[in-house]
Amino acid sequence: MCSRLKGIFLYFSLAFFFPCLIIHCSSSKKTASAGTELTFIGNQSLKDELNGEFKDYFSAGRKIVLGPSGDSRLGPMPSIGGINRRGEFIILDNFGVRQILVYDGTGTLKARIGSRGIGDGQYLYPDNMFVDRDSGHSYVSDGDLLRVLEYDEDNKYVAVIPLPIYMEQLLITKEGRLFCYTSGAAGPKGAERVIYEFNKTGHIRNRFLRMSNKYISAAESKGGGMILFKGLFYVITPYEYTISKCNPSGEIVAQARVKSPYYTEIKTYTDKRVETDFNERKRYHSTWSHIRQIIKIGDDRFGVVYNEARSERYYLDIFSSELKVITQGILLPGYLIAPHAIYTIGNELYWLEPAVNQNSADSADIAIAEYTFKIKQ
């Protein structure tokens, strides 16, 4: 699939859909793969018994208005690609303009990472990125050229890793191991696994976690994701609300299927126009919830972001590292629709939102919003 068509399709996928989440617990269990018990958690009938609003769990901090970006303005779906160890914000702008910008804590543009093109250190479709806060290096996945570009702490090009298939999220461990996540767009028949590990030459070292049996090409959309938390991977199975804990070798440690009051499971379709007509496919995607991303929160919690079907409202469910529900159905205010829109470090949560009361016509009209998780036992 060419990057332009992929970008257009993913834009509407992101704007109208994405999966799944959480809320009080039940304890029924079922045998999962490799002998692991699949635990069912959450409740879909608690819309009137939710555990508070966003402000009850997060306190507002800084609002950093992004300054002028030079010759080109930010596109419609920028996201925070990372925060480096100097505290600079790296903005990934991959729809339309396709650029990677570095801003300091005051919103001043400090640098650019790479440029558009096909040469060394260049990209055509900077789809996602990973910032290694230990080494200071940044890794950018080019979804068009199917390669990962590595840059040093001064944003200079270092190396390239070719990839055999399209991937949607990168993760580099402290040992330098490269893991990638896909929600199915890895080939014409989809991917057979969710997580792939590659070596430095781009060859597959390992693959694990089976793709959902609910995957069909007409349902293909970007979302889900993985985090590395306390030495274990926490992974969303695409197209269903299942959270898996896996060790780096791919062995499943625990699994939970989540029910949530605002989450609607994927539906089958009967209208064959869904397979060929863009508008019909967009309408079909709006009938179920899409999981946007999974995020770390503090030292012992993580969250899942999903949308309500036929709605642009997005909700956050919060879990413990033991896959226990802490709270569900927290409505996210001002959530900007973009790939992996929320970025977290420790108890700090960041996202981009429209800037208000701007006096400069040259401003990006976008601000970084900072929130702090209120520790609750």
Protein backbone atom coordinates (compact mmCIF):
# COMPACT_ATOMS: atom_id res chain seq x y z
CA MET A 1 0.00 0.00 0.00
CA CYS A 2 1.53 3.34 -0.95
CA SER A 3 2.12 5.78 1.86
CA ARG A 4 -0.31 8.42 0.54
CA LEU A 5 -3.24 6.02 0.40
CA LYS A 6 -2.17 4.55 3.73
CA GLY A 7 -1.94 8.02 5.23
CA ILE A 8 -5.39 9.04 3.99
CA PHE A 9 -6.97 5.82 5.19
CA LEU A 10 -5.23 5.97 8.56
CA TYR A 11 -6.32 9.58 8.99
CA PHE A 12 -9.97 8.58 8.87
CA SER A 13 -9.24 5.45 10.89
CA LEU A 14 -7.77 7.63 13.61
CA ALA A 15 -10.41 10.33 13.37
CA PHE A 16 -13.37 8.02 13.73
CA PHE A 17 -12.26 4.90 15.45
CA PHE A 18 -10.01 2.87 17.68
CA PRO A 19 -10.34 0.32 20.45
CA CYS A 20 -10.86 -0.60 23.89
CA LEU A 21 -10.78 -0.64 27.59
CA ILE A 22 -11.61 -1.14 31.17
CA ILE A 23 -13.70 -0.89 34.42
CA HIS A 24 -14.46 -2.93 37.57
CA CYS A 25 -13.51 -6.59 37.73
CA SER A 26 -14.98 -10.00 37.32
CA SER A 27 -12.95 -13.12 37.95
CA SER A 28 -14.05 -15.63 35.32
CA LYS A 29 -11.18 -17.42 33.63
CA LYS A 30 -10.65 -19.39 30.46
CA THR A 31 -7.69 -21.32 29.12
CA ALA A 32 -5.60 -19.27 26.67
CA SER A 33 -2.72 -20.25 24.42
CA ALA A 34 0.31 -22.03 25.87
CA GLY A 35 -1.63 -22.92 29.01
CA THR A 36 -1.96 -19.32 30.21
CA GLU A 37 -5.27 -18.51 31.85
CA LEU A 38 -7.28 -15.78 30.14
CA THR A 39 -8.86 -13.64 32.84
CA PHE A 40 -11.94 -11.52 32.15
CA ILE A 41 -11.88 -8.12 33.82
CA GLY A 42 -13.98 -4.97 33.67
CA ASN A 43 -17.71 -4.39 33.34
CA GLN A 44 -19.78 -3.00 30.49
CA SER A 45 -22.74 -1.97 32.65
CA LEU A 46 -21.21 0.69 34.88
CA LYS A 47 -21.80 3.89 32.90
CA ASP A 48 -23.53 5.47 35.87
CA GLU A 49 -20.96 4.26 38.40
CA LEU A 50 -17.68 5.53 36.94
CA ASN A 51 -14.77 6.36 39.22
CA GLY A 52 -14.36 10.08 38.61
CA GLU A 53 -13.35 12.54 35.94
CA PHE A 54 -9.99 13.26 34.35
CA LYS A 55 -9.36 16.12 36.80
CA ASP A 56 -9.78 13.68 39.69
CA TYR A 57 -6.76 11.69 38.50
CA PHE A 58 -4.60 14.27 36.73
CA SER A 59 -3.64 17.82 37.70
CA ALA A 60 -2.95 20.36 34.97
CA GLY A 61 0.58 21.70 34.56
CA ARG A 62 2.34 23.70 31.85
CA LYS A 63 0.89 24.70 28.50
CA ILE A 64 3.79 25.17 26.07
CA VAL A 65 2.77 26.95 22.88
CA LEU A 66 4.90 25.81 19.96
CA GLY A 67 6.60 28.67 18.13
CA PRO A 68 7.00 29.18 14.38
CA SER A 69 8.27 26.14 12.47
CA GLY A 70 9.90 28.08 9.64
CA ASP A 71 8.80 27.56 6.08
CA SER A 72 6.07 25.04 6.85
CA ARG A 73 3.35 24.87 9.50
CA LEU A 74 2.48 21.75 11.41
CA GLY A 75 0.07 19.40 9.68
CA PRO A 76 -3.35 18.31 11.00
CA MET A 77 -2.14 15.32 13.04
CA PRO A 78 1.18 16.01 14.80
CA SER A 79 2.12 13.98 17.86
CA ILE A 80 4.84 13.94 20.50
CA GLY A 81 7.36 11.45 19.20
CA GLY A 82 9.42 11.64 22.36
CA ILE A 83 11.11 13.75 25.01
CA ASN A 84 14.90 13.51 25.02
CA ARG A 85 17.11 13.59 28.09
CA ARG A 86 17.65 17.34 27.63
CA GLY A 87 13.92 17.79 28.16
CA GLU A 88 13.30 18.77 24.54
CA PHE A 89 10.06 17.76 22.84
CA ILE A 90 10.33 15.93 19.52
CA ILE A 91 7.26 16.50 17.37
CA LEU A 92 6.47 13.93 14.70
CA ASP A 93 4.45 15.52 11.90
CA ASN A 94 3.73 12.80 9.37
CA PHE A 95 0.52 13.81 7.64
CA GLY A 96 0.98 16.21 4.75
CA VAL A 97 4.16 18.06 5.69
CA ARG A 98 6.17 15.08 6.97
CA GLN A 99 8.80 16.56 9.23
CA ILE A 100 10.34 15.97 12.65
CA LEU A 101 10.89 19.07 14.79
CA VAL A 102 12.66 19.57 18.13
CA TYR A 103 11.34 22.21 20.57
CA ASP A 104 12.72 23.25 23.93
CA GLY A 105 10.67 23.69 27.11
CA THR A 106 9.60 27.20 26.08
CA GLY A 107 8.20 26.09 22.72
CA THR A 108 11.13 27.47 20.70
CA LEU A 109 12.12 25.48 17.63
CA LYS A 110 15.67 24.22 18.16
CA ALA A 111 16.33 21.69 15.42
CA ARG A 112 15.00 19.34 12.78
CA ILE A 113 15.68 15.63 12.57
CA GLY A 114 16.36 14.43 9.05
CA SER A 115 14.46 15.69 6.04
CA ARG A 116 12.14 14.47 3.34
CA GLY A 117 13.83 12.40 0.66
CA ILE A 118 15.32 8.99 -0.09
CA GLY A 119 18.98 9.62 0.78
CA ASP A 120 20.91 8.78 3.93
CA GLY A 121 19.10 10.13 6.97
CA GLN A 122 16.03 11.05 4.93
CA TYR A 123 12.48 9.69 5.01
CA LEU A 124 9.36 9.74 2.90
CA TYR A 125 6.81 8.71 5.53
CA PRO A 126 8.07 9.12 9.13
CA ASP A 127 5.34 6.96 10.58
CA ASN A 128 6.47 6.55 14.19
CA MET A 129 9.56 6.91 16.34
CA PHE A 130 11.24 5.88 19.57
CA VAL A 131 13.49 8.08 21.73
CA ASP A 132 16.05 6.24 23.83
CA ARG A 133 16.51 8.42 26.90
CA ASP A 134 19.53 6.38 28.03
CA SER A 135 21.64 6.86 24.90
CA GLY A 136 19.95 10.01 23.63
CA HIS A 137 19.46 8.39 20.22
CA SER A 138 16.24 8.64 18.20
CA TYR A 139 14.86 5.96 15.89
CA VAL A 140 12.42 6.82 13.11
CA SER A 141 10.39 4.28 11.16
CA ASP A 142 9.84 5.18 7.50
CA GLY A 143 6.65 3.40 6.50
CA ASP A 144 7.18 4.13 2.81
CA LEU A 145 10.80 3.09 2.42
CA LEU A 146 10.41 0.32 5.03
CA ARG A 147 13.41 1.17 7.13
CA VAL A 148 14.40 2.48 10.56
CA LEU A 149 16.72 5.50 10.71
CA GLU A 150 18.93 6.08 13.74
CA TYR A 151 20.06 9.59 14.82
CA ASP A 152 22.40 10.55 17.66
CA GLU A 153 21.72 12.99 20.49
CA ASP A 154 22.72 15.90 18.23
CA ASN A 155 20.17 14.72 15.66
CA LYS A 156 22.82 13.55 13.20
CA TYR A 157 22.19 10.48 11.08
CA VAL A 158 23.95 7.32 12.34
CA ALA A 159 22.62 4.19 10.63
CA VAL A 160 19.75 2.52 8.82
CA ILE A 161 17.98 -0.79 9.49
CA PRO A 162 15.92 -2.17 6.58
CA LEU A 163 12.59 -3.81 7.46
CA PRO A 164 10.89 -6.53 5.43
CA ILE A 165 7.35 -5.48 6.43
CA TYR A 166 5.42 -2.39 7.52
CA MET A 167 5.40 -1.73 11.26
CA GLU A 168 3.52 0.80 13.38
CA GLN A 169 5.51 1.13 16.59
CA LEU A 170 9.17 0.81 17.57
CA LEU A 171 10.66 -0.10 20.91
CA ILE A 172 14.38 -0.33 21.70
CA THR A 173 15.40 -2.11 24.91
CA LYS A 174 18.35 -1.11 27.08
CA GLU A 175 20.22 -4.02 25.52
CA GLY A 176 19.65 -2.53 22.06
CA ARG A 177 17.09 -5.10 20.92
CA LEU A 178 14.64 -3.81 18.31
CA PHE A 179 10.97 -4.78 18.67
CA CYS A 180 8.13 -3.67 16.39
CA TYR A 181 4.34 -3.80 16.68
CA THR A 182 1.81 -4.24 13.89
CA SER A 183 -1.99 -4.19 13.88
CA GLY A 184 -2.09 -6.19 10.68
CA ALA A 185 -0.84 -3.94 7.89
CA ALA A 186 2.32 -5.98 7.41
CA GLY A 187 1.35 -7.52 4.07
CA PRO A 188 -1.50 -8.24 1.67
CA LYS A 189 -2.81 -11.03 3.90
CA GLY A 190 -2.04 -9.30 7.17
CA ALA A 191 0.47 -10.31 9.82
CA GLU A 192 0.38 -13.66 11.56
CA ARG A 193 1.94 -12.22 14.72
CA VAL A 194 1.66 -8.89 16.55
CA ILE A 195 5.25 -8.40 17.80
CA TYR A 196 8.38 -8.84 15.67
CA GLU A 197 12.00 -8.61 16.79
CA PHE A 198 14.63 -7.65 14.21
CA ASN A 199 18.41 -7.70 14.26
CA LYS A 200 20.57 -4.81 13.08
CA THR A 201 20.43 -6.02 9.48
CA GLY A 202 16.64 -6.15 9.45
CA HIS A 203 16.23 -9.92 9.65
CA ILE A 204 13.46 -11.31 11.86
CA ARG A 205 14.87 -12.83 15.05
CA ASN A 206 11.56 -13.68 16.68
CA ARG A 207 7.83 -13.09 16.38
CA PHE A 208 5.16 -13.64 19.00
CA LEU A 209 1.56 -13.10 20.08
CA ARG A 210 -0.92 -14.33 17.48
CA MET A 211 -2.97 -11.81 15.51
CA SER A 212 -6.64 -11.70 16.48
CA ASN A 213 -8.95 -13.99 14.55
CA LYS A 214 -11.18 -10.94 14.17
CA TYR A 215 -8.68 -9.39 11.78
CA ILE A 216 -9.96 -8.82 8.24
CA SER A 217 -8.47 -6.48 5.67
CA ALA A 218 -11.60 -4.29 5.61
CA ALA A 219 -11.18 -3.68 9.34
CA GLU A 220 -7.51 -2.76 9.08
CA SER A 221 -6.74 0.35 11.12
CA LYS A 222 -3.91 1.73 13.16
CA GLY A 223 -3.90 1.42 16.91
CA GLY A 224 -3.21 -0.78 19.90
CA GLY A 225 0.44 -0.85 20.79
CA MET A 226 2.96 -2.12 23.32
CA ILE A 227 4.95 -0.88 26.29
CA LEU A 228 7.93 -2.36 28.12
CA PHE A 229 7.16 -2.28 31.81
CA LYS A 230 9.26 -3.85 34.57
CA GLY A 231 11.04 -6.05 32.05
CA LEU A 232 7.82 -7.36 30.49
CA PHE A 233 5.89 -6.40 27.38
CA TYR A 234 2.28 -5.31 27.81
CA VAL A 235 0.61 -5.69 24.43
CA ILE A 236 -2.82 -4.91 23.04
CA THR A 237 -4.08 -7.56 20.62
CA PRO A 238 -5.44 -5.59 17.64
CA TYR A 239 -9.20 -5.68 17.01
CA GLU A 240 -10.07 -6.97 20.46
CA TYR A 241 -9.62 -5.70 23.99
CA THR A 242 -7.07 -8.24 25.15
CA ILE A 243 -3.98 -7.28 27.15
CA SER A 244 -1.07 -9.73 27.22
CA LYS A 245 2.00 -9.72 29.44
CA CYS A 246 4.94 -11.36 27.67
CA ASN A 247 8.59 -11.76 28.49
CA PRO A 248 11.16 -10.60 25.88
CA SER A 249 11.29 -14.13 24.47
CA GLY A 250 7.59 -13.95 23.65
CA GLU A 251 6.25 -16.29 26.32
CA ILE A 252 2.86 -15.17 27.65
CA VAL A 253 2.93 -14.58 31.40
CA ALA A 254 -0.68 -13.42 31.81
CA GLN A 255 -3.63 -12.34 29.66
CA ALA A 256 -6.81 -10.40 30.35
CA ARG A 257 -9.86 -9.78 28.17
CA VAL A 258 -11.37 -6.41 29.09
CA LYS A 259 -14.94 -5.25 29.10
CA SER A 260 -15.66 -1.56 29.34
CA PRO A 261 -18.89 0.47 29.35
CA TYR A 262 -17.95 2.60 26.32
CA TYR A 263 -16.22 -0.12 24.34
CA THR A 264 -18.02 -1.78 21.43
CA GLU A 265 -16.52 -4.90 19.89
CA ILE A 266 -15.75 -5.16 16.19
CA LYS A 267 -18.67 -6.24 14.02
CA THR A 268 -18.87 -8.28 10.86
CA TYR A 269 -20.26 -6.62 7.76
CA THR A 270 -22.76 -7.77 5.16
CA ASP A 271 -22.47 -4.90 2.70
CA LYS A 272 -19.71 -5.87 0.26
CA ARG A 273 -19.21 -2.22 -0.69
CA VAL A 274 -17.15 -1.99 2.51
CA GLU A 275 -14.39 -3.83 0.64
CA THR A 276 -14.13 -1.33 -2.23
CA ASP A 277 -15.82 1.95 -1.29
CA PHE A 278 -13.88 4.31 0.97
CA ASN A 279 -16.92 6.04 2.48
CA GLU A 280 -18.65 2.74 3.20
CA ARG A 281 -15.51 1.47 4.90
CA LYS A 282 -15.30 4.64 6.97
CA ARG A 283 -18.92 4.19 8.03
CA TYR A 284 -18.25 0.54 8.90
CA HIS A 285 -15.25 1.50 11.06
CA SER A 286 -17.38 3.93 13.03
CA THR A 287 -19.57 1.09 14.31
CA TRP A 288 -17.02 -0.27 16.79
CA SER A 289 -14.43 1.06 19.22
CA HIS A 290 -10.78 1.37 18.27
CA ILE A 291 -7.97 1.15 20.79
CA ARG A 292 -5.68 4.13 20.30
CA GLN A 293 -2.72 3.25 22.47
CA ILE A 294 -1.36 1.80 25.68
CA ILE A 295 0.66 4.07 27.98
CA LYS A 296 2.77 3.75 31.13
CA ILE A 297 1.56 5.72 34.17
CA GLY A 298 4.00 5.99 37.06
CA ASP A 299 5.85 2.99 38.47
CA ASP A 300 3.04 0.47 38.76
CA ARG A 301 0.21 1.44 36.42
CA PHE A 302 -0.64 1.66 32.77
CA GLY A 303 -3.56 2.93 30.75
CA VAL A 304 -5.46 2.12 27.57
CA VAL A 305 -7.08 4.74 25.35
CA TYR A 306 -10.05 3.94 23.12
CA ASN A 307 -12.96 5.69 21.45
CA GLU A 308 -16.68 5.28 21.83
CA ALA A 309 -18.34 3.89 18.70
CA ARG A 310 -20.00 6.50 16.45
CA SER A 311 -18.33 9.18 18.51
CA GLU A 312 -15.18 11.26 18.71
CA ARG A 313 -15.06 10.84 22.48
CA TYR A 314 -12.01 9.05 23.85
CA TYR A 315 -11.72 7.29 27.18
CA LEU A 316 -8.90 6.13 29.43
CA ASP A 317 -8.90 2.94 31.52
CA ILE A 318 -6.19 2.53 34.16
CA PHE A 319 -4.77 -0.83 35.32
CA SER A 320 -2.14 -2.08 37.71
CA SER A 321 0.87 -3.99 36.43
CA GLU A 322 -0.89 -7.14 37.69
CA LEU A 323 -3.74 -6.58 35.21
CA LYS A 324 -6.14 -5.38 37.88
CA VAL A 325 -8.63 -2.63 37.04
CA ILE A 326 -8.03 0.63 38.91
CA THR A 327 -10.63 2.73 37.12
CA GLN A 328 -12.40 2.90 33.78
CA GLY A 329 -14.14 5.26 31.44
CA ILE A 330 -12.27 8.49 32.17
CA LEU A 331 -13.27 10.90 29.42
CA LEU A 332 -10.19 12.57 27.91
CA PRO A 333 -10.72 16.30 27.37
CA GLY A 334 -9.15 17.94 24.34
CA TYR A 335 -7.65 14.71 23.05
CA LEU A 336 -6.01 15.50 19.72
CA ILE A 337 -6.55 12.68 17.22
CA ALA A 338 -3.12 11.54 16.10
CA PRO A 339 -1.08 8.34 16.18
CA HIS A 340 0.04 7.67 19.76
CA ALA A 341 -1.17 11.11 20.80
CA ILE A 342 -0.27 10.71 24.49
CA TYR A 343 3.33 10.54 25.68
CA THR A 344 4.26 9.76 29.28
CA ILE A 345 7.35 9.90 31.48
CA GLY A 346 6.87 8.70 35.04
CA ASN A 347 3.77 10.39 36.43
CA GLU A 348 3.80 13.09 33.76
CA LEU A 349 1.43 12.88 30.80
CA TYR A 350 1.73 15.04 27.68
CA TRP A 351 -0.38 15.59 24.60
CA LEU A 352 -0.87 18.23 21.92
CA GLU A 353 -3.95 20.40 21.84
CA PRO A 354 -5.05 23.54 19.97
CA ALA A 355 -3.45 26.68 21.38
CA VAL A 356 -5.75 29.52 22.41
CA ASN A 357 -5.39 33.30 22.59
CA GLN A 358 -2.51 33.43 20.15
CA ASN A 359 -1.26 36.87 19.12
CA SER A 360 1.26 35.75 16.54
CA ALA A 361 0.15 34.83 13.05
CA ASP A 362 3.34 32.76 12.76
CA SER A 363 2.53 30.44 15.66
CA ALA A 364 1.92 26.75 15.11
CA ASP A 365 -1.47 27.06 16.85
CA ILE A 366 -0.56 23.96 18.82
CA ALA A 367 0.39 23.67 22.48
CA ILE A 368 1.92 20.87 24.54
CA ALA A 369 -0.32 20.20 27.54
CA GLU A 370 1.27 18.69 30.65
CA TYR A 371 -0.61 16.79 33.34
CA THR A 372 0.55 14.97 36.47
CA PHE A 373 -1.01 11.75 37.70
CA LYS A 374 -2.32 12.05 41.23
CA ILE A 375 -1.08 9.00 43.08
CA LYS A 376 -4.01 7.00 44.46
CA GLN A 377 -3.67 3.83 46.46
